[in-house]
Amino acid sequence: MRPRILVIKLGALGDFVQAMGPAAAIRDHHRDAEITLLTAAPFNDIAQMSPYFDRVRIDERPGRFDVAGWLRLRRRLRDGHFQRIYDLQTSSRSSRYFHLMGPYLLARGKRPEWSGIARGASHPHANPQRDAMHTLDRQADQLAMAGIAAMSPPDLSWAAADIARFNLPPDFMLVVPGGAAHRLDKRWPAPHYAELATLIARHGITPVMIGSRDEAEVTQAVSRGTPLARDLAGQTNLAEIVGLGAAARYAVGNDTGPMHLIVAAGCPATVLYSAASDPALTQPRGPAVTILRRDDLAALSVAEVAATVSFG
């Protein structure tokens, strides 16, 4: 029987993207294993496309008092008969899953190996500085302590969907002006993005706005004054965002999940950070990524951003 491995990665989109580096390393280390991913529902489609997992299971995230939900989750974890579990979420919730599994034994007489921060884990990530490390460095360090020495940055080229249906010109730039509605302090002002879009168009390059349907108001505000602009808010799935990133000349956007997809597709990018988040801990890494940070993004000028963009 093939060894069975479980990888746990829940969290936000950017976190999911950055977990694809360790996922590739785990796949390479356990080449003959059957690897299952436990993840959040929004990532199911792109996870199913991944070459790193044989199966994808969705975490129902039972509420505190959802006894039936917790029992279902425990049964799923136990029935997997996993030899090793990599908890890449390393949160209090995912650590609870270690204890939720209970004291059941495998046929070989011991509990599954566990890489993470749960008390009692066989392969704990015991670095006291882990919370001060960039996500990728922290995950690489965690895997090293579990016997996996090499890890590369996330590469989502396998996820790039065909973008022909958007009928875009060959020369375009991606603009990502939105972000979580409850984190407006992470957004560069829409008028600044509108001015940048106009500047992009003046160079004969099509500015293409992307975002969720909930961000349509801001993408429309940015594109309204630029006839050449294209607004794809609410029209793209995650794989299509990767496809757009693979084809775009450049991308500019806030600290938000789609920028991680775009950078992991190999697109040069400028990512804007406010005091609300720390790029030293979370920034997307790629061969050509520029980070601009101001405590208040309103203080970041269009000229400063435009100076980082390749128009030539």
C-alpha atoms as a PDB file:
ATOM      1  CA  MET A   1       0.000   0.000   0.000  1.00  0.00           C
ATOM      2  CA  ARG A   2       1.243   3.494  -0.843  1.00  0.00           C
ATOM      3  CA  PRO A   3       2.131   5.670   2.151  1.00  0.00           C
ATOM      4  CA  ARG A   4      -0.563   8.237   2.885  1.00  0.00           C
ATOM      5  CA  ILE A   5       0.295  11.867   3.547  1.00  0.00           C
ATOM      6  CA  LEU A   6      -1.994  14.734   4.556  1.00  0.00           C
ATOM      7  CA  VAL A   7      -1.223  18.411   3.933  1.00  0.00           C
ATOM      8  CA  ILE A   8      -3.332  21.002   5.782  1.00  0.00           C
ATOM      9  CA  LYS A   9      -3.587  24.479   4.273  1.00  0.00           C
ATOM     10  CA  LEU A  10      -6.598  26.665   4.976  1.00  0.00           C
ATOM     11  CA  GLY A  11      -6.355  30.446   5.318  1.00  0.00           C
ATOM     12  CA  ALA A  12      -6.504  33.236   2.761  1.00  0.00           C
ATOM     13  CA  LEU A  13      -5.634  33.159  -0.954  1.00  0.00           C
ATOM     14  CA  GLY A  14      -2.135  34.582  -0.541  1.00  0.00           C
ATOM     15  CA  ASP A  15      -1.392  31.987   2.143  1.00  0.00           C
ATOM     16  CA  PHE A  16      -2.649  29.214  -0.129  1.00  0.00           C
ATOM     17  CA  VAL A  17      -0.431  30.373  -3.013  1.00  0.00           C
ATOM     18  CA  GLN A  18       2.647  30.548  -0.799  1.00  0.00           C
ATOM     19  CA  ALA A  19       1.964  26.993   0.382  1.00  0.00           C
ATOM     20  CA  MET A  20       2.477  25.675  -3.150  1.00  0.00           C
ATOM     21  CA  GLY A  21       6.254  25.896  -2.702  1.00  0.00           C
ATOM     22  CA  PRO A  22       6.229  23.511   0.261  1.00  0.00           C
ATOM     23  CA  ALA A  23       3.567  21.385  -1.447  1.00  0.00           C
ATOM     24  CA  ALA A  24       5.947  20.809  -4.355  1.00  0.00           C
ATOM     25  CA  ALA A  25       8.755  19.928  -1.942  1.00  0.00           C
ATOM     26  CA  ILE A  26       6.514  17.477  -0.082  1.00  0.00           C
ATOM     27  CA  ARG A  27       5.485  15.856  -3.377  1.00  0.00           C
ATOM     28  CA  ASP A  28       9.126  15.495  -4.428  1.00  0.00           C
ATOM     29  CA  HIS A  29      10.115  14.031  -1.052  1.00  0.00           C
ATOM     30  CA  HIS A  30       7.208  11.559  -0.970  1.00  0.00           C
ATOM     31  CA  ARG A  31       7.195  10.540  -4.641  1.00  0.00           C
ATOM     32  CA  ASP A  32       5.455   7.214  -4.066  1.00  0.00           C
ATOM     33  CA  ALA A  33       2.904   8.461  -1.535  1.00  0.00           C
ATOM     34  CA  GLU A  34      -0.786   9.222  -1.890  1.00  0.00           C
ATOM     35  CA  ILE A  35      -1.030  12.861  -0.824  1.00  0.00           C
ATOM     36  CA  THR A  36      -4.292  14.463   0.304  1.00  0.00           C
ATOM     37  CA  LEU A  37      -4.834  18.196   0.768  1.00  0.00           C
ATOM     38  CA  LEU A  38      -7.268  19.499   3.379  1.00  0.00           C
ATOM     39  CA  THR A  39      -8.155  23.056   2.389  1.00  0.00           C
ATOM     40  CA  ALA A  40     -10.886  25.703   2.242  1.00  0.00           C
ATOM     41  CA  ALA A  41     -13.742  25.558  -0.272  1.00  0.00           C
ATOM     42  CA  PRO A  42     -12.672  28.600  -2.380  1.00  0.00           C
ATOM     43  CA  PHE A  43      -9.452  26.802  -3.339  1.00  0.00           C
ATOM     44  CA  ASN A  44     -10.982  23.481  -4.366  1.00  0.00           C
ATOM     45  CA  ASP A  45     -10.935  24.029  -8.146  1.00  0.00           C
ATOM     46  CA  ILE A  46      -7.335  25.194  -8.387  1.00  0.00           C
ATOM     47  CA  ALA A  47      -6.195  22.570  -5.853  1.00  0.00           C
ATOM     48  CA  GLN A  48      -7.778  19.856  -8.008  1.00  0.00           C
ATOM     49  CA  MET A  49      -5.563  21.019 -10.882  1.00  0.00           C
ATOM     50  CA  SER A  50      -2.385  20.797  -8.830  1.00  0.00           C
ATOM     51  CA  PRO A  51       0.234  18.154  -9.635  1.00  0.00           C
ATOM     52  CA  TYR A  52       1.081  17.895  -5.945  1.00  0.00           C
ATOM     53  CA  PHE A  53      -2.044  16.205  -4.592  1.00  0.00           C
ATOM     54  CA  ASP A  54      -3.854  12.969  -5.363  1.00  0.00           C
ATOM     55  CA  ARG A  55      -6.954  14.010  -3.461  1.00  0.00           C
ATOM     56  CA  VAL A  56      -8.469  17.251  -2.207  1.00  0.00           C
ATOM     57  CA  ARG A  57     -10.774  17.395   0.803  1.00  0.00           C
ATOM     58  CA  ILE A  58     -12.664  20.475   1.975  1.00  0.00           C
ATOM     59  CA  ASP A  59     -12.564  21.542   5.602  1.00  0.00           C
ATOM     60  CA  GLU A  60     -16.139  22.296   6.660  1.00  0.00           C
ATOM     61  CA  ARG A  61     -14.793  24.438   9.518  1.00  0.00           C
ATOM     62  CA  PRO A  62     -17.327  23.320  12.136  1.00  0.00           C
ATOM     63  CA  GLY A  63     -18.340  25.976  14.616  1.00  0.00           C
ATOM     64  CA  ARG A  64     -17.429  25.808  18.247  1.00  0.00           C
ATOM     65  CA  PHE A  65     -20.659  24.083  19.271  1.00  0.00           C
ATOM     66  CA  ASP A  66     -21.144  22.013  16.103  1.00  0.00           C
ATOM     67  CA  VAL A  67     -20.566  18.634  17.731  1.00  0.00           C
ATOM     68  CA  ALA A  68     -21.723  16.685  14.664  1.00  0.00           C
ATOM     69  CA  GLY A  69     -19.375  18.690  12.450  1.00  0.00           C
ATOM     70  CA  TRP A  70     -16.397  18.028  14.701  1.00  0.00           C
ATOM     71  CA  LEU A  71     -17.216  14.314  14.789  1.00  0.00           C
ATOM     72  CA  ARG A  72     -17.360  14.226  10.974  1.00  0.00           C
ATOM     73  CA  LEU A  73     -14.003  15.949  10.758  1.00  0.00           C
ATOM     74  CA  ARG A  74     -12.444  13.528  13.256  1.00  0.00           C
ATOM     75  CA  ARG A  75     -13.787  10.552  11.317  1.00  0.00           C
ATOM     76  CA  ARG A  76     -12.359  11.941   8.081  1.00  0.00           C
ATOM     77  CA  LEU A  77      -8.939  12.486   9.651  1.00  0.00           C
ATOM     78  CA  ARG A  78      -8.913   9.021  11.205  1.00  0.00           C
ATOM     79  CA  ASP A  79     -10.231   7.224   8.142  1.00  0.00           C
ATOM     80  CA  GLY A  80      -7.421   8.659   6.042  1.00  0.00           C
ATOM     81  CA  HIS A  81      -4.910   6.377   7.801  1.00  0.00           C
ATOM     82  CA  PHE A  82      -2.206   8.960   7.241  1.00  0.00           C
ATOM     83  CA  GLN A  83       1.400   8.084   8.092  1.00  0.00           C
ATOM     84  CA  ARG A  84       2.461  11.731   8.212  1.00  0.00           C
ATOM     85  CA  ILE A  85       0.614  15.056   8.386  1.00  0.00           C
ATOM     86  CA  TYR A  86       2.135  18.384   7.351  1.00  0.00           C
ATOM     87  CA  ASP A  87       0.245  21.224   9.013  1.00  0.00           C
ATOM     88  CA  LEU A  88       1.183  24.209   6.854  1.00  0.00           C
ATOM     89  CA  GLN A  89      -1.515  26.322   8.463  1.00  0.00           C
ATOM     90  CA  THR A  90       0.138  26.105  11.895  1.00  0.00           C
ATOM     91  CA  SER A  91      -2.735  27.920  13.590  1.00  0.00           C
ATOM     92  CA  SER A  92      -4.456  27.151  16.866  1.00  0.00           C
ATOM     93  CA  ARG A  93      -7.320  25.692  14.841  1.00  0.00           C
ATOM     94  CA  SER A  94      -5.234  23.341  12.721  1.00  0.00           C
ATOM     95  CA  SER A  95      -3.235  22.312  15.807  1.00  0.00           C
ATOM     96  CA  ARG A  96      -6.552  21.372  17.390  1.00  0.00           C
ATOM     97  CA  TYR A  97      -6.984  18.819  14.603  1.00  0.00           C
ATOM     98  CA  PHE A  98      -3.933  16.968  15.938  1.00  0.00           C
ATOM     99  CA  HIS A  99      -5.656  16.485  19.290  1.00  0.00           C
ATOM    100  CA  LEU A 100      -9.035  15.889  17.650  1.00  0.00           C
ATOM    101  CA  MET A 101      -7.684  12.723  16.053  1.00  0.00           C
ATOM    102  CA  GLY A 102      -7.335  11.234  19.525  1.00  0.00           C
ATOM    103  CA  PRO A 103      -5.092   8.399  20.646  1.00  0.00           C
ATOM    104  CA  TYR A 104      -5.921   5.958  17.831  1.00  0.00           C
ATOM    105  CA  LEU A 105      -3.005   3.860  16.653  1.00  0.00           C
ATOM    106  CA  LEU A 106      -1.859   2.882  13.190  1.00  0.00           C
ATOM    107  CA  ALA A 107      -1.112  -0.727  12.381  1.00  0.00           C
ATOM    108  CA  ARG A 108       2.577  -0.100  13.027  1.00  0.00           C
ATOM    109  CA  GLY A 109       1.795   0.901  16.596  1.00  0.00           C
ATOM    110  CA  LYS A 110       2.093   4.646  16.778  1.00  0.00           C
ATOM    111  CA  ARG A 111       0.263   7.837  15.944  1.00  0.00           C
ATOM    112  CA  PRO A 112       0.768   9.541  12.580  1.00  0.00           C
ATOM    113  CA  GLU A 113       3.849  11.743  12.389  1.00  0.00           C
ATOM    114  CA  TRP A 114       2.924  15.430  12.573  1.00  0.00           C
ATOM    115  CA  SER A 115       4.889  18.419  11.304  1.00  0.00           C
ATOM    116  CA  GLY A 116       3.590  21.628  12.853  1.00  0.00           C
ATOM    117  CA  ILE A 117       3.294  23.443  16.146  1.00  0.00           C
ATOM    118  CA  ALA A 118       0.764  21.208  17.924  1.00  0.00           C
ATOM    119  CA  ARG A 119       1.892  20.130  21.357  1.00  0.00           C
ATOM    120  CA  GLY A 120       3.024  16.529  21.113  1.00  0.00           C
ATOM    121  CA  ALA A 121       3.908  16.698  17.405  1.00  0.00           C
ATOM    122  CA  SER A 122       6.578  14.231  16.322  1.00  0.00           C
ATOM    123  CA  HIS A 123       8.282  16.858  14.118  1.00  0.00           C
ATOM    124  CA  PRO A 124       7.595  20.207  15.794  1.00  0.00           C
ATOM    125  CA  HIS A 125       8.597  23.460  14.199  1.00  0.00           C
ATOM    126  CA  ALA A 126      10.526  24.487  17.268  1.00  0.00           C
ATOM    127  CA  ASN A 127      12.121  27.704  16.017  1.00  0.00           C
ATOM    128  CA  PRO A 128      11.278  30.438  18.586  1.00  0.00           C
ATOM    129  CA  GLN A 129      11.678  33.068  15.841  1.00  0.00           C
ATOM    130  CA  ARG A 130       9.088  31.473  13.527  1.00  0.00           C
ATOM    131  CA  ASP A 131       6.569  34.293  13.909  1.00  0.00           C
ATOM    132  CA  ALA A 132       9.177  36.848  12.779  1.00  0.00           C
ATOM    133  CA  MET A 133       9.996  34.943   9.572  1.00  0.00           C
ATOM    134  CA  HIS A 134       8.608  35.454   6.097  1.00  0.00           C
ATOM    135  CA  THR A 135       5.983  32.811   5.310  1.00  0.00           C
ATOM    136  CA  LEU A 136       8.206  31.050   2.763  1.00  0.00           C
ATOM    137  CA  ASP A 137      11.232  31.051   5.067  1.00  0.00           C
ATOM    138  CA  ARG A 138       9.133  29.785   7.964  1.00  0.00           C
ATOM    139  CA  GLN A 139       7.675  26.965   5.891  1.00  0.00           C
ATOM    140  CA  ALA A 140      11.102  26.002   4.536  1.00  0.00           C
ATOM    141  CA  ASP A 141      12.416  25.896   8.094  1.00  0.00           C
ATOM    142  CA  GLN A 142       9.454  23.771   9.192  1.00  0.00           C
ATOM    143  CA  LEU A 143      10.033  21.277   6.372  1.00  0.00           C
ATOM    144  CA  ALA A 144      13.764  21.140   7.095  1.00  0.00           C
ATOM    145  CA  MET A 145      12.961  20.079  10.661  1.00  0.00           C
ATOM    146  CA  ALA A 146      10.786  17.334   9.166  1.00  0.00           C
ATOM    147  CA  GLY A 147      13.593  16.087   6.911  1.00  0.00           C
ATOM    148  CA  ILE A 148      12.835  17.978   3.674  1.00  0.00           C
ATOM    149  CA  ALA A 149      15.884  20.047   2.879  1.00  0.00           C
ATOM    150  CA  ALA A 150      15.007  21.799  -0.399  1.00  0.00           C
ATOM    151  CA  MET A 151      12.069  24.105  -1.176  1.00  0.00           C
ATOM    152  CA  SER A 152      11.540  26.430  -4.126  1.00  0.00           C
ATOM    153  CA  PRO A 153       9.277  29.506  -4.359  1.00  0.00           C
ATOM    154  CA  PRO A 154       5.711  28.793  -5.487  1.00  0.00           C
ATOM    155  CA  ASP A 155       5.277  28.222  -9.217  1.00  0.00           C
ATOM    156  CA  LEU A 156       1.695  28.121 -10.499  1.00  0.00           C
ATOM    157  CA  SER A 157       2.473  27.755 -14.193  1.00  0.00           C
ATOM    158  CA  TRP A 158       0.510  24.471 -14.105  1.00  0.00           C
ATOM    159  CA  ALA A 159      -2.646  26.411 -13.208  1.00  0.00           C
ATOM    160  CA  ALA A 160      -2.605  28.939 -16.069  1.00  0.00           C
ATOM    161  CA  ALA A 161      -5.984  28.783 -17.832  1.00  0.00           C
ATOM    162  CA  ASP A 162      -6.676  29.847 -21.404  1.00  0.00           C
ATOM    163  CA  ILE A 163      -7.616  33.550 -21.425  1.00  0.00           C
ATOM    164  CA  ALA A 164      -8.693  33.753 -25.083  1.00  0.00           C
ATOM    165  CA  ARG A 165     -12.314  34.391 -24.125  1.00  0.00           C
ATOM    166  CA  PHE A 166     -11.368  37.837 -22.805  1.00  0.00           C
ATOM    167  CA  ASN A 167     -10.128  38.864 -26.261  1.00  0.00           C
ATOM    168  CA  LEU A 168      -7.324  41.018 -24.867  1.00  0.00           C
ATOM    169  CA  PRO A 169      -4.656  42.709 -26.990  1.00  0.00           C
ATOM    170  CA  PRO A 170      -1.176  41.179 -26.797  1.00  0.00           C
ATOM    171  CA  ASP A 171       0.237  44.087 -24.783  1.00  0.00           C
ATOM    172  CA  PHE A 172      -1.551  44.660 -21.482  1.00  0.00           C
ATOM    173  CA  MET A 173      -0.885  45.374 -17.814  1.00  0.00           C
ATOM    174  CA  LEU A 174      -2.838  44.103 -14.853  1.00  0.00           C
ATOM    175  CA  VAL A 175      -4.164  46.559 -12.267  1.00  0.00           C
ATOM    176  CA  VAL A 176      -5.464  45.193  -8.950  1.00  0.00           C
ATOM    177  CA  PRO A 177      -6.997  48.157  -7.080  1.00  0.00           C
ATOM    178  CA  GLY A 178      -9.184  46.259  -4.616  1.00  0.00           C
ATOM    179  CA  GLY A 179      -8.740  44.094  -1.568  1.00  0.00           C
ATOM    180  CA  ALA A 180     -10.707  42.907   1.422  1.00  0.00           C
ATOM    181  CA  ALA A 181     -13.630  45.217   2.179  1.00  0.00           C
ATOM    182  CA  HIS A 182     -12.783  45.196   5.886  1.00  0.00           C
ATOM    183  CA  ARG A 183      -9.167  46.240   5.193  1.00  0.00           C
ATOM    184  CA  LEU A 184      -9.590  49.488   3.265  1.00  0.00           C
ATOM    185  CA  ASP A 185      -6.367  50.778   4.822  1.00  0.00           C
ATOM    186  CA  LYS A 186      -4.500  48.310   2.577  1.00  0.00           C
ATOM    187  CA  ARG A 187      -5.741  50.014  -0.620  1.00  0.00           C
ATOM    188  CA  TRP A 188      -3.981  52.702  -2.633  1.00  0.00           C
ATOM    189  CA  PRO A 189      -6.633  55.370  -3.399  1.00  0.00           C
ATOM    190  CA  ALA A 190      -8.777  54.679  -6.470  1.00  0.00           C
ATOM    191  CA  PRO A 191      -8.032  58.141  -8.015  1.00  0.00           C
ATOM    192  CA  HIS A 192      -4.325  57.279  -7.932  1.00  0.00           C
ATOM    193  CA  TYR A 193      -5.005  54.002  -9.728  1.00  0.00           C
ATOM    194  CA  ALA A 194      -7.154  55.881 -12.268  1.00  0.00           C
ATOM    195  CA  GLU A 195      -4.272  58.259 -12.970  1.00  0.00           C
ATOM    196  CA  LEU A 196      -1.902  55.304 -13.350  1.00  0.00           C
ATOM    197  CA  ALA A 197      -4.325  53.558 -15.740  1.00  0.00           C
ATOM    198  CA  THR A 198      -4.436  56.674 -17.903  1.00  0.00           C
ATOM    199  CA  LEU A 199      -0.630  56.796 -17.954  1.00  0.00           C
ATOM    200  CA  ILE A 200      -0.464  53.120 -18.966  1.00  0.00           C
ATOM    201  CA  ALA A 201      -2.902  53.754 -21.809  1.00  0.00           C
ATOM    202  CA  ARG A 202      -0.857  56.724 -23.024  1.00  0.00           C
ATOM    203  CA  HIS A 203       1.987  54.275 -23.637  1.00  0.00           C
ATOM    204  CA  GLY A 204      -0.295  52.258 -25.901  1.00  0.00           C
ATOM    205  CA  ILE A 205      -0.683  49.490 -23.327  1.00  0.00           C
ATOM    206  CA  THR A 206      -4.112  48.245 -22.256  1.00  0.00           C
ATOM    207  CA  PRO A 207      -4.734  48.488 -18.497  1.00  0.00           C
ATOM    208  CA  VAL A 208      -6.782  45.477 -17.367  1.00  0.00           C
ATOM    209  CA  MET A 209      -8.581  45.665 -14.018  1.00  0.00           C
ATOM    210  CA  ILE A 210      -9.204  42.475 -12.073  1.00  0.00           C
ATOM    211  CA  GLY A 211     -10.998  41.871  -8.811  1.00  0.00           C
ATOM    212  CA  SER A 212     -13.976  40.120  -7.315  1.00  0.00           C
ATOM    213  CA  ARG A 213     -17.571  41.054  -8.063  1.00  0.00           C
ATOM    214  CA  ASP A 214     -17.622  42.882  -4.715  1.00  0.00           C
ATOM    215  CA  GLU A 215     -14.753  45.071  -5.928  1.00  0.00           C
ATOM    216  CA  ALA A 216     -16.509  46.146  -9.133  1.00  0.00           C
ATOM    217  CA  GLU A 217     -17.241  49.593  -7.764  1.00  0.00           C
ATOM    218  CA  VAL A 218     -13.551  50.399  -7.325  1.00  0.00           C
ATOM    219  CA  THR A 219     -12.474  48.812 -10.642  1.00  0.00           C
ATOM    220  CA  GLN A 220     -15.150  50.816 -12.446  1.00  0.00           C
ATOM    221  CA  ALA A 221     -13.985  54.005 -10.747  1.00  0.00           C
ATOM    222  CA  VAL A 222     -10.430  53.316 -11.911  1.00  0.00           C
ATOM    223  CA  SER A 223     -11.282  52.425 -15.506  1.00  0.00           C
ATOM    224  CA  ARG A 224     -14.056  54.988 -16.093  1.00  0.00           C
ATOM    225  CA  GLY A 225     -11.792  57.747 -17.385  1.00  0.00           C
ATOM    226  CA  THR A 226      -9.641  55.532 -19.605  1.00  0.00           C
ATOM    227  CA  PRO A 227     -11.444  54.314 -22.759  1.00  0.00           C
ATOM    228  CA  LEU A 228      -8.685  51.814 -23.510  1.00  0.00           C
ATOM    229  CA  ALA A 229      -9.077  50.121 -20.100  1.00  0.00           C
ATOM    230  CA  ARG A 230     -10.739  46.720 -19.685  1.00  0.00           C
ATOM    231  CA  ASP A 231     -12.613  45.847 -16.509  1.00  0.00           C
ATOM    232  CA  LEU A 232     -12.756  42.116 -15.726  1.00  0.00           C
ATOM    233  CA  ALA A 233     -13.969  42.401 -12.125  1.00  0.00           C
ATOM    234  CA  GLY A 234     -16.083  39.388 -11.190  1.00  0.00           C
ATOM    235  CA  GLN A 235     -15.293  37.613 -14.466  1.00  0.00           C
ATOM    236  CA  THR A 236     -12.158  35.625 -13.616  1.00  0.00           C
ATOM    237  CA  ASN A 237     -11.578  32.460 -11.654  1.00  0.00           C
ATOM    238  CA  LEU A 238      -8.268  31.756  -9.928  1.00  0.00           C
ATOM    239  CA  ALA A 239      -6.792  29.787 -12.836  1.00  0.00           C
ATOM    240  CA  GLU A 240      -7.654  32.596 -15.247  1.00  0.00           C
ATOM    241  CA  ILE A 241      -5.899  35.105 -13.007  1.00  0.00           C
ATOM    242  CA  VAL A 242      -2.806  32.903 -13.258  1.00  0.00           C
ATOM    243  CA  GLY A 243      -3.257  32.834 -17.038  1.00  0.00           C
ATOM    244  CA  LEU A 244      -3.536  36.610 -17.129  1.00  0.00           C
ATOM    245  CA  GLY A 245      -0.404  36.914 -15.005  1.00  0.00           C
ATOM    246  CA  ALA A 246       1.506  34.649 -17.359  1.00  0.00           C
ATOM    247  CA  ALA A 247       0.549  36.815 -20.363  1.00  0.00           C
ATOM    248  CA  ALA A 248       0.730  40.326 -18.894  1.00  0.00           C
ATOM    249  CA  ARG A 249       3.626  42.709 -19.395  1.00  0.00           C
ATOM    250  CA  TYR A 250       3.451  43.910 -15.766  1.00  0.00           C
ATOM    251  CA  ALA A 251       1.110  44.140 -12.771  1.00  0.00           C
ATOM    252  CA  VAL A 252       0.467  46.746 -10.090  1.00  0.00           C
ATOM    253  CA  GLY A 253      -1.727  46.089  -7.097  1.00  0.00           C
ATOM    254  CA  ASN A 254      -2.356  46.185  -3.393  1.00  0.00           C
ATOM    255  CA  ASP A 255      -1.370  43.571  -0.847  1.00  0.00           C
ATOM    256  CA  THR A 256      -4.126  41.153  -1.804  1.00  0.00           C
ATOM    257  CA  GLY A 257      -4.458  37.507  -2.835  1.00  0.00           C
ATOM    258  CA  PRO A 258      -4.606  37.934  -6.638  1.00  0.00           C
ATOM    259  CA  MET A 259      -1.178  39.597  -6.615  1.00  0.00           C
ATOM    260  CA  HIS A 260       0.260  36.374  -5.187  1.00  0.00           C
ATOM    261  CA  LEU A 261      -1.305  34.418  -8.049  1.00  0.00           C
ATOM    262  CA  ILE A 262       0.043  36.893 -10.606  1.00  0.00           C
ATOM    263  CA  VAL A 263       3.590  36.840  -9.226  1.00  0.00           C
ATOM    264  CA  ALA A 264       3.540  33.025  -8.964  1.00  0.00           C
ATOM    265  CA  ALA A 265       2.653  33.016 -12.679  1.00  0.00           C
ATOM    266  CA  GLY A 266       5.990  34.753 -13.346  1.00  0.00           C
ATOM    267  CA  CYS A 267       4.694  38.274 -13.950  1.00  0.00           C
ATOM    268  CA  PRO A 268       6.896  41.268 -12.983  1.00  0.00           C
ATOM    269  CA  ALA A 269       4.980  43.321 -10.438  1.00  0.00           C
ATOM    270  CA  THR A 270       4.844  46.244  -8.050  1.00  0.00           C
ATOM    271  CA  VAL A 271       2.987  45.524  -4.821  1.00  0.00           C
ATOM    272  CA  LEU A 272       1.841  48.330  -2.529  1.00  0.00           C
ATOM    273  CA  TYR A 273       1.888  48.000   1.254  1.00  0.00           C
ATOM    274  CA  SER A 274       0.555  50.212   4.027  1.00  0.00           C
ATOM    275  CA  ALA A 275       1.235  49.982   7.755  1.00  0.00           C
ATOM    276  CA  ALA A 276      -1.621  47.457   7.913  1.00  0.00           C
ATOM    277  CA  SER A 277       0.661  44.608   6.814  1.00  0.00           C
ATOM    278  CA  ASP A 278       4.363  43.824   6.789  1.00  0.00           C
ATOM    279  CA  PRO A 279       5.994  42.816   3.492  1.00  0.00           C
ATOM    280  CA  ALA A 280       8.894  41.296   5.420  1.00  0.00           C
ATOM    281  CA  LEU A 281       6.445  38.611   6.537  1.00  0.00           C
ATOM    282  CA  THR A 282       4.041  38.208   3.633  1.00  0.00           C
ATOM    283  CA  GLN A 283       5.234  39.790   0.372  1.00  0.00           C
ATOM    284  CA  PRO A 284       4.995  37.722  -2.817  1.00  0.00           C
ATOM    285  CA  ARG A 285       8.434  36.731  -4.017  1.00  0.00           C
ATOM    286  CA  GLY A 286       9.398  36.465  -7.644  1.00  0.00           C
ATOM    287  CA  PRO A 287      12.220  37.266 -10.058  1.00  0.00           C
ATOM    288  CA  ALA A 288      11.020  40.860 -10.604  1.00  0.00           C
ATOM    289  CA  VAL A 289       8.911  42.105  -7.694  1.00  0.00           C
ATOM    290  CA  THR A 290       9.110  45.664  -6.365  1.00  0.00           C
ATOM    291  CA  ILE A 291       7.635  46.498  -2.965  1.00  0.00           C
ATOM    292  CA  LEU A 292       6.573  50.076  -2.176  1.00  0.00           C
ATOM    293  CA  ARG A 293       5.434  50.872   1.346  1.00  0.00           C
ATOM    294  CA  ARG A 294       3.974  53.898   3.092  1.00  0.00           C
ATOM    295  CA  ASP A 295       2.234  53.904   6.454  1.00  0.00           C
ATOM    296  CA  ASP A 296      -0.644  55.659   4.692  1.00  0.00           C
ATOM    297  CA  LEU A 297      -0.845  54.661   1.023  1.00  0.00           C
ATOM    298  CA  ALA A 298      -2.472  57.989   0.165  1.00  0.00           C
ATOM    299  CA  ALA A 299       1.001  59.478   0.620  1.00  0.00           C
ATOM    300  CA  LEU A 300       2.413  57.297  -2.177  1.00  0.00           C
ATOM    301  CA  SER A 301       2.460  59.293  -5.403  1.00  0.00           C
ATOM    302  CA  VAL A 302       1.544  58.052  -8.862  1.00  0.00           C
ATOM    303  CA  ALA A 303       4.975  59.130 -10.070  1.00  0.00           C
ATOM    304  CA  GLU A 304       6.689  56.876  -7.529  1.00  0.00           C
ATOM    305  CA  VAL A 305       4.641  53.886  -8.600  1.00  0.00           C
ATOM    306  CA  ALA A 306       5.006  54.640 -12.312  1.00  0.00           C
ATOM    307  CA  ALA A 307       8.790  54.811 -11.905  1.00  0.00           C
ATOM    308  CA  THR A 308       8.811  51.087 -11.075  1.00  0.00           C
ATOM    309  CA  VAL A 309       6.734  50.052 -14.103  1.00  0.00           C
ATOM    310  CA  SER A 310       8.260  48.801 -17.354  1.00  0.00           C
ATOM    311  CA  PHE A 311       6.589  50.721 -20.212  1.00  0.00           C
ATOM    312  CA  GLY A 312       9.281  50.034 -22.790  1.00  0.00           C
END
